[in-house]
């Protein structure tokens, strides 16, 4: 049996995925989580073979979950199922040890096939997206990405400094570095471009 945990913040999608996968004779859904932190606790407690996760979720994103699993050297493999056909997301997912990356508009049977392939130690990645992912490198550092994401959410430099335990000047430096690397005029344009490319 392939034992899985699902992480998806939309209740209807979570329920549909769970019901679909439960129909497969060799797949057992151990649990379903509505956000990243809940999913992290489920992975630690239930020790599934595979975590199937969305990218955009409250508290912890699917990419952050994959990074945690990699950092803690857990045996759980990760498949991302998302609406985001962005090469930047795929690159970051692969760097975090993700073995499957599927788009939500793919046929439902693709997910069960991907689960079996990943469980056997293979990869299941959308081939067109894989080609695009290596055409343009992500120029941002992790800290620049973190600061830019908070700036894009409307936080001031002072608020970002407090949240990340940095000085006001350091936050301004990270923002200007990110703006410079992306070749745009201000933090809002930098946030939009980085988000569009899948770098945030």
Protein backbone atom coordinates (compact mmCIF):
# COMPACT_ATOMS: atom_id res chain seq x y z
CA UNK A 1 0.00 0.00 0.00
CA UNK A 2 1.09 3.59 -0.72
CA UNK A 3 0.27 5.56 2.43
CA UNK A 4 -0.34 9.26 1.79
CA UNK A 5 -1.18 12.55 3.52
CA UNK A 6 -2.95 15.30 1.54
CA UNK A 7 -2.33 19.02 2.15
CA UNK A 8 -4.76 21.40 0.42
CA UNK A 9 -6.38 24.52 1.86
CA UNK A 10 -9.52 24.42 -0.33
CA UNK A 11 -11.97 22.06 1.38
CA UNK A 12 -13.74 21.01 -1.82
CA UNK A 13 -10.51 20.17 -3.66
CA UNK A 14 -9.16 18.36 -0.58
CA UNK A 15 -12.33 16.27 -0.33
CA UNK A 16 -12.36 15.47 -4.07
CA UNK A 17 -8.69 14.40 -4.10
CA UNK A 18 -9.19 12.30 -1.00
CA UNK A 19 -12.27 10.56 -2.46
CA UNK A 20 -10.57 9.96 -5.82
CA UNK A 21 -7.42 8.46 -4.34
CA UNK A 22 -9.38 6.32 -1.86
CA UNK A 23 -10.86 4.50 -4.88
CA UNK A 24 -7.40 3.20 -5.84
CA UNK A 25 -6.81 -0.31 -4.45
CA UNK A 26 -3.12 0.34 -3.61
CA UNK A 27 -3.45 3.85 -2.09
CA UNK A 28 -4.43 4.65 1.49
CA UNK A 29 -5.21 8.24 2.53
CA UNK A 30 -3.99 8.49 6.14
CA UNK A 31 -5.02 12.11 6.67
CA UNK A 32 -5.83 15.43 5.02
CA UNK A 33 -4.60 18.83 6.23
CA UNK A 34 -6.01 22.32 5.54
CA UNK A 35 -2.74 24.23 6.01
CA UNK A 36 1.01 23.78 6.01
CA UNK A 37 1.52 23.53 9.78
CA UNK A 38 -1.25 20.94 10.12
CA UNK A 39 0.35 18.99 7.25
CA UNK A 40 3.78 19.13 8.93
CA UNK A 41 2.33 17.68 12.16
CA UNK A 42 0.51 14.97 10.16
CA UNK A 43 3.73 14.00 8.34
CA UNK A 44 5.63 13.74 11.64
CA UNK A 45 2.89 11.75 13.35
CA UNK A 46 1.67 9.47 10.53
CA UNK A 47 4.97 9.04 8.63
CA UNK A 48 3.33 8.64 5.20
CA UNK A 49 5.18 7.31 2.17
CA UNK A 50 4.13 10.36 0.16
CA UNK A 51 2.86 13.87 0.94
CA UNK A 52 0.62 15.34 -1.79
CA UNK A 53 0.57 19.12 -1.30
CA UNK A 54 -0.52 22.36 -2.92
CA UNK A 55 1.98 25.26 -3.03
CA UNK A 56 -0.03 28.21 -1.75
CA UNK A 57 -1.35 27.40 1.73
CA UNK A 58 -1.70 29.32 4.99
CA UNK A 59 1.14 29.20 7.58
CA UNK A 60 3.56 27.06 5.57
CA UNK A 61 3.65 26.77 1.78
CA UNK A 62 4.06 23.43 0.02
CA UNK A 63 7.63 24.42 -0.88
CA UNK A 64 8.45 25.23 2.75
CA UNK A 65 6.96 21.87 3.78
CA UNK A 66 9.16 20.07 1.24
CA UNK A 67 12.21 21.97 2.54
CA UNK A 68 11.40 20.92 6.12
CA UNK A 69 11.01 17.28 5.12
CA UNK A 70 14.36 17.45 3.33
CA UNK A 71 16.07 19.26 6.23
CA UNK A 72 14.81 16.71 8.78
CA UNK A 73 15.81 13.85 6.43
CA UNK A 74 12.37 12.24 6.63
CA UNK A 75 11.58 9.30 4.36
CA UNK A 76 8.33 10.91 3.11
CA UNK A 77 8.46 11.77 -0.60
CA UNK A 78 6.69 14.89 -1.89
CA UNK A 79 4.39 15.50 -4.86
CA UNK A 80 3.13 19.02 -5.53
CA UNK A 81 -0.26 19.45 -7.20
CA UNK A 82 -0.85 23.08 -8.11
CA UNK A 83 -2.43 25.56 -10.50
CA UNK A 84 0.93 27.34 -10.83
CA UNK A 85 2.63 26.44 -14.10
CA UNK A 86 5.59 28.63 -13.18
CA UNK A 87 9.12 27.45 -13.90
CA UNK A 88 10.47 29.27 -10.81
CA UNK A 89 8.22 27.22 -8.53
CA UNK A 90 9.33 23.98 -10.18
CA UNK A 91 13.02 24.85 -9.82
CA UNK A 92 12.58 25.62 -6.13
CA UNK A 93 10.52 22.44 -5.69
CA UNK A 94 13.26 20.31 -7.28
CA UNK A 95 15.89 22.00 -5.09
CA UNK A 96 13.75 21.01 -2.07
CA UNK A 97 13.79 17.35 -3.12
CA UNK A 98 10.25 17.23 -4.59
CA UNK A 99 9.85 14.20 -6.88
CA UNK A 100 6.46 15.00 -8.43
CA UNK A 101 5.04 18.25 -9.83
CA UNK A 102 1.60 18.11 -11.45
CA UNK A 103 -0.86 20.75 -12.54
CA UNK A 104 -4.43 20.65 -11.23
CA UNK A 105 -5.87 20.69 -14.74
CA UNK A 106 -4.15 17.38 -15.60
CA UNK A 107 -6.38 14.25 -15.88
CA UNK A 108 -7.22 12.73 -12.46
CA UNK A 109 -5.59 9.37 -13.27
CA UNK A 110 -2.24 11.15 -13.70
CA UNK A 111 -2.07 11.69 -9.93
CA UNK A 112 -2.45 7.98 -9.07
CA UNK A 113 0.17 7.12 -11.72
CA UNK A 114 2.49 9.81 -10.34
CA UNK A 115 2.06 8.46 -6.79
CA UNK A 116 3.06 4.96 -7.93
CA UNK A 117 6.07 6.24 -9.87
CA UNK A 118 7.31 8.45 -7.01
CA UNK A 119 6.72 5.68 -4.46
CA UNK A 120 8.99 3.43 -6.55
CA UNK A 121 11.68 6.13 -6.43
CA UNK A 122 11.03 7.76 -9.82
CA UNK A 123 9.98 11.28 -10.76
CA UNK A 124 6.68 12.58 -12.13
CA UNK A 125 7.11 16.08 -13.52
CA UNK A 126 5.21 17.93 -16.24
CA UNK A 127 7.74 17.68 -19.15
CA UNK A 128 7.02 21.09 -20.75
CA UNK A 129 7.35 22.83 -17.42
CA UNK A 130 10.60 20.96 -16.74
CA UNK A 131 12.12 22.35 -19.96
CA UNK A 132 11.04 25.91 -19.12
CA UNK A 133 12.35 25.64 -15.56
CA UNK A 134 15.95 25.53 -16.68
CA UNK A 135 15.68 28.43 -19.13
CA UNK A 136 15.74 31.23 -16.54
CA UNK A 137 17.51 31.18 -13.18
CA UNK A 138 16.03 32.67 -10.01
CA UNK A 139 18.32 35.61 -9.07
CA UNK A 140 16.96 36.14 -5.53
CA UNK A 141 18.53 34.89 -2.30
CA UNK A 142 16.25 33.29 0.33
CA UNK A 143 16.44 36.41 2.51
CA UNK A 144 15.68 38.77 -0.40
CA UNK A 145 12.69 36.58 -1.27
CA UNK A 146 11.44 36.66 2.32
CA UNK A 147 11.75 40.46 2.60
CA UNK A 148 10.18 41.04 -0.82
CA UNK A 149 7.23 38.77 -0.02
CA UNK A 150 6.48 40.73 3.16
CA UNK A 151 6.89 44.05 1.32
CA UNK A 152 4.43 42.84 -1.31
CA UNK A 153 1.94 42.08 1.46
CA UNK A 154 2.07 45.79 2.34
CA UNK A 155 4.41 45.68 5.35
CA UNK A 156 6.66 48.66 5.97
CA UNK A 157 10.45 48.28 6.23
CA UNK A 158 10.13 48.77 10.01
CA UNK A 159 7.52 46.01 10.34
CA UNK A 160 9.62 43.64 8.22
CA UNK A 161 12.68 44.43 10.34
CA UNK A 162 10.77 43.58 13.54
CA UNK A 163 9.29 40.37 12.12
CA UNK A 164 12.60 39.05 10.73
CA UNK A 165 14.79 40.36 13.55
CA UNK A 166 16.82 42.55 11.23
CA UNK A 167 17.81 46.20 11.33
CA UNK A 168 15.83 48.75 9.32
CA UNK A 169 18.88 49.43 7.13
CA UNK A 170 19.43 45.73 6.39
CA UNK A 171 15.81 45.37 5.22
CA UNK A 172 16.24 48.39 2.92
CA UNK A 173 19.45 46.84 1.53
CA UNK A 174 17.71 43.52 0.79
CA UNK A 175 14.86 45.35 -0.95
CA UNK A 176 17.17 47.47 -3.08
CA UNK A 177 19.24 44.35 -3.98
CA UNK A 178 16.07 42.56 -5.10
CA UNK A 179 14.86 45.60 -7.08
CA UNK A 180 18.28 45.89 -8.75
CA UNK A 181 18.50 42.19 -9.63
CA UNK A 182 15.03 42.22 -11.17
CA UNK A 183 15.70 45.42 -13.10
CA UNK A 184 12.52 47.22 -11.98
CA UNK A 185 11.77 50.61 -10.45
CA UNK A 186 10.35 49.82 -7.01
CA UNK A 187 9.43 47.12 -4.50
CA UNK A 188 5.85 46.69 -5.84
CA UNK A 189 7.10 46.02 -9.39
CA UNK A 190 9.77 43.69 -7.95
CA UNK A 191 7.12 41.76 -5.99
CA UNK A 192 4.84 41.47 -9.05
CA UNK A 193 7.62 40.29 -11.36
CA UNK A 194 9.06 37.79 -8.87
CA UNK A 195 5.58 36.41 -8.19
CA UNK A 196 4.79 36.11 -11.89
CA UNK A 197 8.03 34.16 -12.44
CA UNK A 198 7.32 31.86 -9.50
CA UNK A 199 10.31 33.10 -7.50
CA UNK A 200 8.24 34.03 -4.42
